[in-house]
Amino acid sequence: MKKGLLPKLAAHLPTLAIAALTLGLAPFTPQPHVWQKLTWLAQGGQGMVWYDYFDLLLHGSPWVLLILGLIGKVTTPATPRTSAKKTS
């Protein structure tokens, strides 16, 4: 049995990808929300208040979990498959 957070996240990559593409990007217009917050922060964050940072945390967390899951997929060694047949 694999232990640790990264292998567990790697097992749920499709779910994490859907979460990142929907929750992580919503609302989609005029630009993805997380991208808007990141560019605002990169420009110095002038005028950002506490709930803007909280909003960035909420919209960015699916992306962080997806990246951690991908790292877990790459770094976790594959477990060898055993045959279900019994030899007597």
N, C-alpha and C. Protein backbone atom coordinates (compact mmCIF):
# COMPACT_ATOMS: atom_id res chain seq x y z
N MET A 1 0.83 -1.18 0.00
CA MET A 1 0.00 0.00 0.00
C MET A 1 0.88 1.24 0.00
N LYS A 2 0.57 2.17 -0.88
CA LYS A 2 1.33 3.41 -0.94
C LYS A 2 0.91 4.32 0.20
N LYS A 3 1.88 5.00 0.78
CA LYS A 3 1.58 5.91 1.87
C LYS A 3 2.04 7.30 1.50
N GLY A 4 1.45 8.27 2.13
CA GLY A 4 1.82 9.65 1.89
C GLY A 4 0.77 10.37 1.06
N LEU A 5 0.87 11.68 1.06
CA LEU A 5 -0.11 12.51 0.39
C LEU A 5 0.02 12.46 -1.12
N LEU A 6 1.24 12.52 -1.65
CA LEU A 6 1.42 12.59 -3.10
C LEU A 6 0.88 11.36 -3.83
N PRO A 7 1.14 10.14 -3.37
CA PRO A 7 0.54 9.00 -4.06
C PRO A 7 -0.99 8.97 -3.98
N LYS A 8 -1.54 9.45 -2.87
CA LYS A 8 -3.00 9.49 -2.75
C LYS A 8 -3.59 10.50 -3.72
N LEU A 9 -2.93 11.64 -3.88
CA LEU A 9 -3.40 12.63 -4.84
C LEU A 9 -3.24 12.12 -6.27
N ALA A 10 -2.18 11.38 -6.52
CA ALA A 10 -1.93 10.84 -7.85
C ALA A 10 -3.02 9.87 -8.26
N ALA A 11 -3.64 9.22 -7.30
CA ALA A 11 -4.70 8.27 -7.61
C ALA A 11 -5.98 8.97 -8.05
N HIS A 12 -6.09 10.27 -7.79
CA HIS A 12 -7.30 11.02 -8.10
C HIS A 12 -7.06 12.11 -9.15
N LEU A 13 -6.15 11.88 -10.07
CA LEU A 13 -5.82 12.89 -11.07
C LEU A 13 -7.00 13.33 -11.93
N PRO A 14 -7.86 12.44 -12.41
CA PRO A 14 -8.99 12.93 -13.21
C PRO A 14 -9.91 13.87 -12.44
N THR A 15 -10.19 13.54 -11.19
CA THR A 15 -11.03 14.40 -10.36
C THR A 15 -10.36 15.75 -10.12
N LEU A 16 -9.07 15.73 -9.86
CA LEU A 16 -8.34 16.97 -9.62
C LEU A 16 -8.29 17.83 -10.88
N ALA A 17 -8.17 17.20 -12.03
CA ALA A 17 -8.15 17.95 -13.29
C ALA A 17 -9.49 18.62 -13.54
N ILE A 18 -10.58 17.92 -13.27
CA ILE A 18 -11.91 18.51 -13.45
C ILE A 18 -12.11 19.67 -12.47
N ALA A 19 -11.66 19.49 -11.24
CA ALA A 19 -11.79 20.56 -10.24
C ALA A 19 -10.98 21.78 -10.64
N ALA A 20 -9.77 21.56 -11.15
CA ALA A 20 -8.93 22.69 -11.55
C ALA A 20 -9.52 23.43 -12.74
N LEU A 21 -10.08 22.70 -13.69
CA LEU A 21 -10.63 23.34 -14.88
C LEU A 21 -11.97 24.02 -14.63
N THR A 22 -12.72 23.56 -13.65
CA THR A 22 -14.01 24.19 -13.38
C THR A 22 -13.91 25.18 -12.22
N LEU A 23 -13.63 24.69 -11.03
CA LEU A 23 -13.56 25.57 -9.86
C LEU A 23 -12.36 26.51 -9.92
N GLY A 24 -11.27 26.02 -10.47
CA GLY A 24 -10.05 26.82 -10.52
C GLY A 24 -10.11 27.96 -11.51
N LEU A 25 -10.93 27.84 -12.53
CA LEU A 25 -11.01 28.88 -13.56
C LEU A 25 -12.28 29.72 -13.48
N ALA A 26 -13.29 29.27 -12.76
CA ALA A 26 -14.58 29.98 -12.73
C ALA A 26 -14.44 31.31 -12.00
N PRO A 27 -15.15 32.34 -12.36
CA PRO A 27 -15.91 32.54 -13.59
C PRO A 27 -14.96 32.74 -14.77
N PHE A 28 -15.39 32.30 -15.92
CA PHE A 28 -14.51 32.23 -17.10
C PHE A 28 -14.38 33.55 -17.84
N THR A 29 -15.36 34.45 -17.73
CA THR A 29 -15.30 35.69 -18.47
C THR A 29 -15.23 36.87 -17.51
N PRO A 30 -14.56 37.94 -17.78
CA PRO A 30 -13.84 38.26 -19.01
C PRO A 30 -12.50 37.52 -19.10
N GLN A 31 -11.96 37.07 -17.98
CA GLN A 31 -10.79 36.20 -17.97
C GLN A 31 -10.92 35.28 -16.76
N PRO A 32 -10.22 34.15 -16.77
CA PRO A 32 -10.33 33.25 -15.61
C PRO A 32 -9.97 33.97 -14.32
N HIS A 33 -10.75 33.70 -13.30
CA HIS A 33 -10.65 34.43 -12.05
C HIS A 33 -9.28 34.28 -11.39
N VAL A 34 -8.77 33.07 -11.37
CA VAL A 34 -7.47 32.85 -10.73
C VAL A 34 -6.38 33.58 -11.50
N TRP A 35 -6.48 33.63 -12.81
CA TRP A 35 -5.49 34.35 -13.62
C TRP A 35 -5.56 35.84 -13.34
N GLN A 36 -6.76 36.37 -13.19
CA GLN A 36 -6.95 37.78 -12.87
C GLN A 36 -6.30 38.12 -11.53
N LYS A 37 -6.49 37.27 -10.54
CA LYS A 37 -5.91 37.52 -9.22
C LYS A 37 -4.38 37.40 -9.25
N LEU A 38 -3.87 36.42 -10.01
CA LEU A 38 -2.42 36.26 -10.10
C LEU A 38 -1.77 37.44 -10.80
N THR A 39 -2.37 37.95 -11.87
CA THR A 39 -1.80 39.11 -12.55
C THR A 39 -1.90 40.35 -11.67
N TRP A 40 -2.98 40.47 -10.93
CA TRP A 40 -3.12 41.58 -10.00
C TRP A 40 -2.04 41.53 -8.93
N LEU A 41 -1.77 40.33 -8.42
CA LEU A 41 -0.73 40.16 -7.41
C LEU A 41 0.66 40.41 -8.00
N ALA A 42 0.88 39.96 -9.23
CA ALA A 42 2.18 40.15 -9.88
C ALA A 42 2.47 41.63 -10.16
N GLN A 43 1.42 42.42 -10.31
CA GLN A 43 1.59 43.85 -10.55
C GLN A 43 1.73 44.64 -9.26
N GLY A 44 1.88 43.97 -8.16
CA GLY A 44 2.12 44.63 -6.88
C GLY A 44 0.98 44.50 -5.89
N GLY A 45 -0.17 44.06 -6.34
CA GLY A 45 -1.28 43.84 -5.44
C GLY A 45 -1.87 45.11 -4.86
N GLN A 46 -1.70 46.22 -5.56
CA GLN A 46 -2.26 47.48 -5.06
C GLN A 46 -3.78 47.40 -5.02
N GLY A 47 -4.36 47.66 -3.89
CA GLY A 47 -5.79 47.64 -3.73
C GLY A 47 -6.37 46.30 -3.33
N MET A 48 -5.54 45.27 -3.22
CA MET A 48 -6.05 43.97 -2.79
C MET A 48 -6.34 44.02 -1.30
N VAL A 49 -7.44 43.42 -0.91
CA VAL A 49 -7.82 43.32 0.50
C VAL A 49 -7.86 41.84 0.88
N TRP A 50 -8.17 41.56 2.14
CA TRP A 50 -8.05 40.20 2.65
C TRP A 50 -8.87 39.20 1.87
N TYR A 51 -10.06 39.58 1.43
CA TYR A 51 -10.90 38.62 0.73
C TYR A 51 -10.42 38.34 -0.68
N ASP A 52 -9.59 39.23 -1.25
CA ASP A 52 -8.97 38.93 -2.54
C ASP A 52 -7.93 37.83 -2.39
N TYR A 53 -7.17 37.88 -1.30
CA TYR A 53 -6.19 36.82 -1.04
C TYR A 53 -6.89 35.50 -0.73
N PHE A 54 -7.98 35.56 0.02
CA PHE A 54 -8.76 34.36 0.32
C PHE A 54 -9.36 33.78 -0.97
N ASP A 55 -9.82 34.64 -1.85
CA ASP A 55 -10.37 34.21 -3.13
C ASP A 55 -9.30 33.54 -3.98
N LEU A 56 -8.10 34.11 -3.96
CA LEU A 56 -6.98 33.49 -4.67
C LEU A 56 -6.66 32.12 -4.09
N LEU A 57 -6.72 31.99 -2.79
CA LEU A 57 -6.49 30.70 -2.14
C LEU A 57 -7.54 29.68 -2.57
N LEU A 58 -8.81 30.07 -2.59
CA LEU A 58 -9.87 29.14 -2.96
C LEU A 58 -9.79 28.73 -4.43
N HIS A 59 -9.54 29.68 -5.32
CA HIS A 59 -9.48 29.35 -6.74
C HIS A 59 -8.14 28.71 -7.13
N GLY A 60 -7.11 28.93 -6.33
CA GLY A 60 -5.80 28.36 -6.63
C GLY A 60 -5.57 26.98 -6.06
N SER A 61 -6.32 26.62 -5.01
CA SER A 61 -6.08 25.32 -4.36
C SER A 61 -6.31 24.12 -5.27
N PRO A 62 -7.31 24.11 -6.18
CA PRO A 62 -7.41 22.95 -7.07
C PRO A 62 -6.18 22.80 -7.97
N TRP A 63 -5.59 23.92 -8.37
CA TRP A 63 -4.40 23.86 -9.21
C TRP A 63 -3.20 23.34 -8.43
N VAL A 64 -3.07 23.77 -7.18
CA VAL A 64 -1.98 23.28 -6.34
C VAL A 64 -2.11 21.78 -6.11
N LEU A 65 -3.32 21.32 -5.83
CA LEU A 65 -3.54 19.88 -5.62
C LEU A 65 -3.28 19.08 -6.89
N LEU A 66 -3.65 19.63 -8.06
CA LEU A 66 -3.38 18.95 -9.32
C LEU A 66 -1.88 18.85 -9.57
N ILE A 67 -1.15 19.91 -9.31
CA ILE A 67 0.31 19.88 -9.50
C ILE A 67 0.95 18.88 -8.54
N LEU A 68 0.50 18.86 -7.28
CA LEU A 68 1.03 17.88 -6.32
C LEU A 68 0.69 16.45 -6.75
N GLY A 69 -0.50 16.24 -7.30
CA GLY A 69 -0.88 14.91 -7.80
C GLY A 69 -0.01 14.48 -8.97
N LEU A 70 0.30 15.42 -9.86
CA LEU A 70 1.18 15.10 -10.98
C LEU A 70 2.59 14.78 -10.50
N ILE A 71 3.06 15.51 -9.50
CA ILE A 71 4.37 15.21 -8.92
C ILE A 71 4.35 13.82 -8.29
N GLY A 72 3.27 13.49 -7.60
CA GLY A 72 3.14 12.16 -7.00
C GLY A 72 3.11 11.06 -8.04
N LYS A 73 2.48 11.33 -9.18
CA LYS A 73 2.42 10.35 -10.27
C LYS A 73 3.81 10.09 -10.84
N VAL A 74 4.59 11.14 -10.96
CA VAL A 74 5.93 11.01 -11.56
C VAL A 74 6.92 10.39 -10.58
N THR A 75 6.82 10.75 -9.31
CA THR A 75 7.82 10.30 -8.34
C THR A 75 7.51 8.97 -7.67
N THR A 76 6.28 8.51 -7.72
CA THR A 76 5.91 7.25 -7.08
C THR A 76 6.27 6.09 -8.00
N PRO A 77 7.07 5.14 -7.51
CA PRO A 77 7.39 4.00 -8.36
C PRO A 77 6.15 3.14 -8.61
N ALA A 78 6.08 2.60 -9.78
CA ALA A 78 4.95 1.74 -10.15
C ALA A 78 5.03 0.44 -9.37
N THR A 79 3.90 -0.02 -8.89
CA THR A 79 3.87 -1.29 -8.16
C THR A 79 3.70 -2.41 -9.17
N PRO A 80 4.46 -3.48 -9.02
CA PRO A 80 4.33 -4.59 -9.97
C PRO A 80 3.00 -5.28 -9.80
N ARG A 81 2.39 -5.62 -10.92
CA ARG A 81 1.11 -6.34 -10.88
C ARG A 81 1.35 -7.81 -10.64
N THR A 82 0.59 -8.37 -9.75
CA THR A 82 0.73 -9.80 -9.46
C THR A 82 -0.39 -10.54 -10.18
N SER A 83 -0.08 -11.74 -10.54
CA SER A 83 -1.06 -12.56 -11.22
C SER A 83 -2.10 -13.06 -10.23
N ALA A 84 -3.36 -13.09 -10.66
CA ALA A 84 -4.43 -13.56 -9.80
C ALA A 84 -4.53 -15.08 -9.80
N LYS A 85 -3.83 -15.73 -10.71
CA LYS A 85 -3.89 -17.20 -10.80
C LYS A 85 -3.04 -17.82 -9.70
N LYS A 86 -3.59 -18.86 -9.11
CA LYS A 86 -2.84 -19.64 -8.12
C LYS A 86 -2.33 -20.89 -8.80
N THR A 87 -1.11 -21.18 -8.49
CA THR A 87 -0.55 -22.42 -9.00
C THR A 87 -0.48 -23.42 -7.84
N SER A 88 -0.96 -24.61 -8.10
CA SER A 88 -0.99 -25.64 -7.05
C SER A 88 0.13 -26.62 -7.24
